[in-house]
């Protein structure tokens, strides 16, 4: 007997983000915290590699639920309960992150499989455009990733990374053509991704607050605390303070339907993972710097700090270029400067690297504001390359 999923009514184009979606995103808060913990607990580059692999695989399916709620709004019992079950599975995945390459590998894989199953079934109920047909093309990829996670668990911590890399390679290939099958509500989609950026920024704020807890009476800790908040503020300003978020949404809304989905998938689903990865690295480095501001950093932490800011800037530059809302050259220059400052943290102190980096980013924001709103002809010319379009 064939089981046919009953379709749900298509949401209104301007339907807002629901309270359940905001509740669901609380799990992502813990995912980011756990990734920072995975990196922070490692004394070698292996921890960074592990965190990168976990982020890639988790982001793929978590972002898949952003697409799902964009098509199937959780406003009824039949749509809310599956999402709450998936939320519990994501929480189990997040709880397994720090030992996912060891004793928690099977738990992570099983939770991932349940998440993929719920995602596929619920998406098949969509009546928005052709999304219910589109999920039939991407579901085999999602289930294959879940299978590879079980293979990784079976191979154990020594060889399991091979299956993880295979899963990521599969996602890279699928990501090149995944989203053209689906229908999109632009405003809702952009809002969900902006909230994820806020969540990741929140992890850096928490890292600073926890590291400085009960120690702000020390002058060096207080100074580091304040400079760290200046740096975090410049990152917020880079994304939200110059209008990139609103102009980006406008570009997606104005795109024709055949181009809109591909444009949004690259600008948000693809490039925003760079923002998140960068903020995880920044949070880990800020925690180390605040705990002993006057001491030099290990190379791994100093480079992680510079790389984190560089990744955030790269993500924003690609976001701007993809949506043709401005040049990303200034962002790339700032990213390179952050990488160049890593030796300062190693040979002088973490506070020195943080302070100079914060000063450079303040200057960057001032220059970014000085650019003003980009000229439409310049933006069109700069966006005519391979990054733009659909």
Protein backbone atom coordinates (compact mmCIF):
# COMPACT_ATOMS: atom_id res chain seq x y z
CA UNK A 1 0.00 0.00 0.00
CA UNK A 2 1.34 3.41 -0.95
CA UNK A 3 1.28 6.16 1.67
CA UNK A 4 0.54 9.59 0.21
CA UNK A 5 1.37 12.64 2.29
CA UNK A 6 -1.51 15.09 2.57
CA UNK A 7 -0.49 18.48 1.23
CA UNK A 8 -0.81 21.62 3.35
CA UNK A 9 -1.94 25.04 2.23
CA UNK A 10 0.75 27.25 0.74
CA UNK A 11 1.76 30.13 3.04
CA UNK A 12 1.12 33.74 2.08
CA UNK A 13 4.09 35.40 0.37
CA UNK A 14 4.46 37.93 3.20
CA UNK A 15 3.78 35.53 6.09
CA UNK A 16 6.23 36.37 8.92
CA UNK A 17 8.65 34.10 10.74
CA UNK A 18 6.64 32.12 13.30
CA UNK A 19 7.33 31.81 17.03
CA UNK A 20 8.01 28.08 16.56
CA UNK A 21 10.77 28.88 14.07
CA UNK A 22 12.36 31.23 16.59
CA UNK A 23 12.05 28.50 19.22
CA UNK A 24 13.59 26.03 16.77
CA UNK A 25 16.56 28.35 16.23
CA UNK A 26 17.48 28.09 19.90
CA UNK A 27 18.98 24.72 19.05
CA UNK A 28 21.33 26.45 16.62
CA UNK A 29 22.57 28.53 19.55
CA UNK A 30 23.73 25.33 21.21
CA UNK A 31 25.21 24.00 17.96
CA UNK A 32 27.43 27.10 17.70
CA UNK A 33 28.38 26.81 21.39
CA UNK A 34 29.33 23.17 20.95
CA UNK A 35 31.41 23.86 17.85
CA UNK A 36 33.31 26.52 19.79
CA UNK A 37 33.79 23.97 22.56
CA UNK A 38 35.09 21.38 20.09
CA UNK A 39 37.68 23.83 18.78
CA UNK A 40 38.56 25.19 22.21
CA UNK A 41 39.15 21.75 23.70
CA UNK A 42 41.67 20.79 21.01
CA UNK A 43 45.35 21.61 21.26
CA UNK A 44 45.99 20.85 17.58
CA UNK A 45 44.61 21.69 14.15
CA UNK A 46 42.59 18.45 14.25
CA UNK A 47 39.95 20.16 16.36
CA UNK A 48 39.52 22.87 13.73
CA UNK A 49 39.17 20.26 10.98
CA UNK A 50 36.62 18.29 12.99
CA UNK A 51 34.59 21.42 13.75
CA UNK A 52 34.62 22.41 10.09
CA UNK A 53 33.30 19.02 9.00
CA UNK A 54 30.57 19.00 11.65
CA UNK A 55 29.52 22.55 10.74
CA UNK A 56 29.29 21.74 7.02
CA UNK A 57 27.12 18.65 7.52
CA UNK A 58 24.94 20.23 10.22
CA UNK A 59 24.49 23.52 8.37
CA UNK A 60 23.29 21.69 5.26
CA UNK A 61 20.34 20.02 6.92
CA UNK A 62 19.65 22.85 9.37
CA UNK A 63 19.42 25.26 6.44
CA UNK A 64 17.23 22.64 4.80
CA UNK A 65 14.73 23.28 7.59
CA UNK A 66 14.86 27.00 6.78
CA UNK A 67 13.78 26.04 3.26
CA UNK A 68 11.15 23.71 4.72
CA UNK A 69 9.52 26.31 6.95
CA UNK A 70 9.69 28.72 4.01
CA UNK A 71 7.42 26.30 2.12
CA UNK A 72 5.49 24.59 4.93
CA UNK A 73 4.68 27.08 7.67
CA UNK A 74 4.44 25.42 11.12
CA UNK A 75 1.03 26.81 12.10
CA UNK A 76 -0.97 23.62 12.66
CA UNK A 77 -0.53 20.60 14.90
CA UNK A 78 0.32 18.44 11.88
CA UNK A 79 3.18 20.76 10.90
CA UNK A 80 4.34 21.76 14.38
CA UNK A 81 4.78 18.32 15.95
CA UNK A 82 7.23 17.03 13.28
CA UNK A 83 9.24 20.23 13.61
CA UNK A 84 9.42 19.84 17.39
CA UNK A 85 10.58 16.23 17.00
CA UNK A 86 13.24 17.42 14.55
CA UNK A 87 14.25 20.10 17.05
CA UNK A 88 14.82 17.39 19.65
CA UNK A 89 16.94 15.44 17.16
CA UNK A 90 19.01 18.54 16.40
CA UNK A 91 19.54 19.01 20.12
CA UNK A 92 20.79 15.42 20.34
CA UNK A 93 23.16 16.13 17.45
CA UNK A 94 24.41 19.29 19.15
CA UNK A 95 24.91 17.44 22.43
CA UNK A 96 27.05 14.91 20.55
CA UNK A 97 29.30 17.41 18.78
CA UNK A 98 32.25 17.39 21.18
CA UNK A 99 32.53 13.58 21.01
CA UNK A 100 31.10 13.02 17.54
CA UNK A 101 34.36 11.49 16.31
CA UNK A 102 34.31 9.08 19.25
CA UNK A 103 31.63 7.64 21.51
CA UNK A 104 28.77 9.83 20.21
CA UNK A 105 29.18 9.02 16.51
CA UNK A 106 26.23 6.60 16.45
CA UNK A 107 23.95 9.02 18.29
CA UNK A 108 24.78 11.83 15.88
CA UNK A 109 24.19 9.60 12.85
CA UNK A 110 20.86 8.27 14.16
CA UNK A 111 19.60 11.76 15.01
CA UNK A 112 20.69 13.00 11.59
CA UNK A 113 18.76 10.19 9.88
CA UNK A 114 15.59 11.06 11.80
CA UNK A 115 16.00 14.74 10.91
CA UNK A 116 16.41 13.90 7.22
CA UNK A 117 13.35 11.62 7.30
CA UNK A 118 11.16 14.32 8.87
CA UNK A 119 12.50 16.93 6.48
CA UNK A 120 11.76 14.82 3.40
CA UNK A 121 8.27 13.81 4.52
CA UNK A 122 7.22 17.33 5.51
CA UNK A 123 8.62 18.86 2.33
CA UNK A 124 6.63 16.37 0.24
CA UNK A 125 3.49 17.99 1.72
CA UNK A 126 4.32 21.42 0.29
CA UNK A 127 1.83 22.95 -2.14
CA UNK A 128 4.04 25.98 -2.86
CA UNK A 129 5.17 25.87 -6.48
CA UNK A 130 7.14 22.75 -7.39
CA UNK A 131 8.87 22.21 -4.05
CA UNK A 132 7.17 18.88 -3.34
CA UNK A 133 8.69 17.54 -6.54
CA UNK A 134 12.04 19.17 -5.85
CA UNK A 135 12.52 17.31 -2.57
CA UNK A 136 12.46 14.02 -4.49
CA UNK A 137 15.70 15.07 -6.14
CA UNK A 138 17.53 16.21 -3.04
CA UNK A 139 16.24 13.60 -0.56
CA UNK A 140 18.57 10.86 -1.91
CA UNK A 141 21.53 13.15 -1.22
CA UNK A 142 20.37 13.79 2.33
CA UNK A 143 19.84 10.09 3.04
CA UNK A 144 23.24 9.31 1.50
CA UNK A 145 24.88 11.75 3.91
CA UNK A 146 23.10 10.06 6.82
CA UNK A 147 24.36 6.69 5.56
CA UNK A 148 27.92 8.01 5.36
CA UNK A 149 27.65 9.20 8.96
CA UNK A 150 26.78 5.64 9.98
CA UNK A 151 29.79 4.45 7.98
CA UNK A 152 31.93 6.97 9.85
CA UNK A 153 30.62 5.64 13.15
CA UNK A 154 31.43 2.08 12.09
CA UNK A 155 34.94 3.01 10.96
CA UNK A 156 35.69 4.64 14.29
CA UNK A 157 37.79 7.70 15.18
CA UNK A 158 40.85 6.60 13.20
CA UNK A 159 39.26 6.24 9.76
CA UNK A 160 35.83 7.80 10.22
CA UNK A 161 37.00 11.14 8.86
CA UNK A 162 37.13 9.58 5.37
CA UNK A 163 33.36 9.05 5.41
CA UNK A 164 32.88 12.60 6.73
CA UNK A 165 34.91 14.00 3.85
CA UNK A 166 32.92 11.89 1.39
CA UNK A 167 29.70 13.33 2.84
CA UNK A 168 30.99 16.89 2.47
CA UNK A 169 32.12 16.23 -1.12
CA UNK A 170 28.64 14.93 -1.89
CA UNK A 171 27.10 18.07 -0.44
CA UNK A 172 29.41 20.32 -2.43
CA UNK A 173 28.39 18.59 -5.65
CA UNK A 174 24.70 18.65 -4.73
CA UNK A 175 24.86 22.27 -3.62
CA UNK A 176 25.76 23.36 -7.12
CA UNK A 177 22.32 22.37 -8.35
CA UNK A 178 20.18 21.78 -5.30
CA UNK A 179 17.95 24.82 -4.97
CA UNK A 180 16.74 25.44 -8.51
CA UNK A 181 13.96 22.92 -7.87
CA UNK A 182 12.28 24.85 -5.07
CA UNK A 183 9.94 27.81 -4.70
CA UNK A 184 10.96 30.63 -2.39
CA UNK A 185 9.41 33.34 -0.20
CA UNK A 186 12.21 35.89 -0.26
CA UNK A 187 11.45 38.05 2.79
CA UNK A 188 10.95 35.09 5.13
CA UNK A 189 14.07 33.35 3.78
CA UNK A 190 16.28 36.40 4.30
CA UNK A 191 14.90 37.02 7.79
CA UNK A 192 15.69 33.48 8.95
CA UNK A 193 19.29 33.79 7.78
CA UNK A 194 19.70 37.19 9.39
CA UNK A 195 18.55 35.64 12.65
CA UNK A 196 21.19 32.92 12.31
CA UNK A 197 23.86 35.61 11.95
CA UNK A 198 22.57 37.25 15.13
CA UNK A 199 22.75 33.88 16.91
CA UNK A 200 26.36 33.37 15.83
CA UNK A 201 27.25 36.92 16.86
CA UNK A 202 25.62 36.13 20.19
CA UNK A 203 28.12 33.33 20.74
CA UNK A 204 30.99 35.83 20.53
CA UNK A 205 29.22 38.10 23.03
CA UNK A 206 28.71 35.16 25.41
CA UNK A 207 32.36 34.13 25.04
CA UNK A 208 33.46 37.63 26.04
CA UNK A 209 31.02 37.80 28.95
CA UNK A 210 31.95 34.38 30.33
CA UNK A 211 35.70 34.96 30.03
CA UNK A 212 35.39 38.32 31.78
CA UNK A 213 32.97 37.12 34.45
CA UNK A 214 33.97 38.43 37.88
CA UNK A 215 37.28 39.80 36.58
CA UNK A 216 36.40 43.24 35.22
CA UNK A 217 37.97 44.91 38.27
CA UNK A 218 41.32 44.02 36.65
CA UNK A 219 42.35 46.86 34.36
CA UNK A 220 43.83 44.64 31.65
CA UNK A 221 40.76 42.40 31.56
CA UNK A 222 38.41 45.40 31.47
CA UNK A 223 40.36 46.97 28.60
CA UNK A 224 40.31 43.69 26.67
CA UNK A 225 36.60 43.29 27.38
CA UNK A 226 35.84 46.73 25.93
CA UNK A 227 38.02 46.30 22.85
CA UNK A 228 36.45 42.88 22.19
CA UNK A 229 32.99 44.45 22.21
CA UNK A 230 34.19 47.14 19.79
CA UNK A 231 35.41 44.43 17.43
CA UNK A 232 32.14 42.46 17.67
CA UNK A 233 30.20 45.66 17.02
CA UNK A 234 32.16 46.29 13.82
CA UNK A 235 31.19 42.80 12.61
CA UNK A 236 27.54 43.52 13.33
CA UNK A 237 27.91 46.84 11.53
CA UNK A 238 29.46 45.13 8.53
CA UNK A 239 26.37 43.02 7.98
CA UNK A 240 23.51 45.15 9.35
CA UNK A 241 24.80 48.70 9.73
CA UNK A 242 25.37 49.74 6.12
CA UNK A 243 22.16 48.36 4.60
CA UNK A 244 23.56 45.24 2.94
CA UNK A 245 20.83 43.08 4.49
CA UNK A 246 18.00 45.24 3.14
CA UNK A 247 19.53 45.79 -0.29
CA UNK A 248 20.27 42.09 -0.56
CA UNK A 249 16.65 41.22 0.17
CA UNK A 250 15.53 43.77 -2.42
CA UNK A 251 17.70 42.13 -5.07
CA UNK A 252 16.24 38.68 -4.34
CA UNK A 253 12.67 40.03 -4.34
CA UNK A 254 13.23 41.77 -7.68
CA UNK A 255 14.74 38.71 -9.38
CA UNK A 256 12.63 36.74 -11.82
CA UNK A 257 11.32 33.39 -10.49
CA UNK A 258 13.72 31.31 -12.59
CA UNK A 259 16.72 33.17 -11.12
CA UNK A 260 15.44 33.98 -7.63
CA UNK A 261 15.96 30.59 -6.00
CA UNK A 262 19.49 30.08 -7.28
CA UNK A 263 20.44 33.62 -6.30
CA UNK A 264 19.12 33.22 -2.76
CA UNK A 265 20.67 29.77 -2.31
CA UNK A 266 24.16 31.08 -3.03
CA UNK A 267 23.83 34.37 -1.19
CA UNK A 268 22.27 32.94 1.95
CA UNK A 269 22.56 29.15 2.15
CA UNK A 270 26.12 29.01 0.79
CA UNK A 271 27.91 32.19 1.83
CA UNK A 272 26.35 32.57 5.28
CA UNK A 273 28.08 29.44 6.51
CA UNK A 274 31.33 31.41 6.12
CA UNK A 275 29.98 34.06 8.48
CA UNK A 276 29.07 31.43 11.05
CA UNK A 277 32.40 29.58 10.75
CA UNK A 278 34.27 32.83 11.19
CA UNK A 279 32.30 33.81 14.28
CA UNK A 280 32.94 30.41 15.89
CA UNK A 281 36.69 30.91 15.46
CA UNK A 282 36.48 34.47 16.77
CA UNK A 283 34.57 33.32 19.87
CA UNK A 284 37.22 30.71 20.69
CA UNK A 285 40.08 33.19 20.25
CA UNK A 286 38.39 35.93 22.28
CA UNK A 287 37.91 33.51 25.15
CA UNK A 288 41.65 32.75 25.16
CA UNK A 289 42.66 36.40 24.88
CA UNK A 290 40.41 37.52 27.73
CA UNK A 291 41.64 34.82 30.07
CA UNK A 292 45.22 36.10 29.84
CA UNK A 293 45.39 39.37 27.86
CA UNK A 294 49.08 40.12 28.41
CA UNK A 295 50.42 36.74 27.34
CA UNK A 296 51.26 35.74 23.76
CA UNK A 297 48.85 33.40 21.95
CA UNK A 298 49.62 30.03 20.46
CA UNK A 299 49.93 30.13 16.69
CA UNK A 300 46.71 28.12 16.36
CA UNK A 301 44.69 30.72 18.30
CA UNK A 302 46.30 33.77 16.71
CA UNK A 303 45.73 32.39 13.22
CA UNK A 304 42.21 31.27 14.17
CA UNK A 305 41.35 34.80 15.25
CA UNK A 306 42.62 36.34 12.02
CA UNK A 307 41.04 33.58 9.94
CA UNK A 308 37.71 34.01 11.72
CA UNK A 309 37.46 37.68 10.83
CA UNK A 310 38.74 36.96 7.32
CA UNK A 311 36.06 34.29 6.79
CA UNK A 312 33.35 36.68 7.97
CA UNK A 313 34.61 39.34 5.57
CA UNK A 314 34.87 36.83 2.73
CA UNK A 315 31.29 35.71 3.33
CA UNK A 316 30.10 39.31 3.24
CA UNK A 317 32.11 40.12 0.13
CA UNK A 318 30.62 37.12 -1.68
CA UNK A 319 27.15 38.02 -0.42
CA UNK A 320 27.48 41.54 -1.82
CA UNK A 321 28.96 40.38 -5.09
CA UNK A 322 26.41 37.62 -5.67
CA UNK A 323 23.49 39.99 -5.11
CA UNK A 324 25.24 42.86 -6.94
CA UNK A 325 24.77 45.27 -4.03
CA UNK A 326 28.35 46.52 -3.90
CA UNK A 327 32.00 45.68 -4.23
CA UNK A 328 33.63 43.32 -1.77
CA UNK A 329 37.19 44.58 -2.31
CA UNK A 330 37.31 46.55 0.94
CA UNK A 331 36.07 43.50 2.86
CA UNK A 332 38.72 41.30 1.29
CA UNK A 333 41.42 43.85 2.12
CA UNK A 334 40.26 43.90 5.75
CA UNK A 335 40.35 40.09 5.83
CA UNK A 336 43.91 40.01 4.53
CA UNK A 337 44.92 42.58 7.14
CA UNK A 338 43.47 40.40 9.90
CA UNK A 339 45.54 37.43 8.74
CA UNK A 340 48.67 39.58 8.56
CA UNK A 341 48.22 40.60 12.22
CA UNK A 342 48.43 37.02 13.53
CA UNK A 343 52.18 37.25 14.35
CA UNK A 344 51.41 40.19 16.63
CA UNK A 345 49.42 37.88 18.87
CA UNK A 346 52.19 35.28 18.94
CA UNK A 347 55.21 37.53 19.46
CA UNK A 348 53.64 40.32 21.55
CA UNK A 349 50.29 39.47 23.18
CA UNK A 350 46.71 38.55 22.46
CA UNK A 351 45.60 41.99 23.63
CA UNK A 352 47.90 43.63 21.07
CA UNK A 353 46.47 41.59 18.21
CA UNK A 354 42.92 42.28 19.37
CA UNK A 355 43.50 46.02 19.78
CA UNK A 356 45.15 46.57 16.42
CA UNK A 357 42.56 44.36 14.72
CA UNK A 358 39.77 46.34 16.36
CA UNK A 359 41.32 49.59 15.17
CA UNK A 360 41.61 48.29 11.61
CA UNK A 361 37.97 47.19 11.62
CA UNK A 362 36.78 50.55 12.95
CA UNK A 363 38.64 52.19 10.07
CA UNK A 364 37.09 49.64 7.71
CA UNK A 365 33.56 50.52 8.87
CA UNK A 366 34.28 54.24 8.45
CA UNK A 367 35.55 53.66 4.91
CA UNK A 368 32.56 51.42 4.17
CA UNK A 369 30.20 54.20 5.19
CA UNK A 370 32.25 56.61 3.08
CA UNK A 371 31.52 54.52 0.00
CA UNK A 372 27.84 55.33 0.37
CA UNK A 373 25.20 53.51 -1.62
CA UNK A 374 26.87 51.88 -4.64
CA UNK A 375 26.19 53.29 -8.07
CA UNK A 376 23.85 50.96 -9.96
CA UNK A 377 26.01 50.88 -13.11
CA UNK A 378 29.15 50.09 -11.12
CA UNK A 379 27.41 47.31 -9.23
CA UNK A 380 26.01 45.83 -12.43
CA UNK A 381 29.46 45.83 -14.01
CA UNK A 382 31.13 44.28 -10.98
CA UNK A 383 28.41 41.66 -10.61
CA UNK A 384 28.49 40.51 -14.22
CA UNK A 385 31.16 37.88 -13.52
CA UNK A 386 30.80 34.31 -12.43
CA UNK A 387 29.70 35.12 -8.87
CA UNK A 388 26.51 36.91 -9.88
CA UNK A 389 23.42 35.78 -11.78
CA UNK A 390 21.79 32.43 -11.37
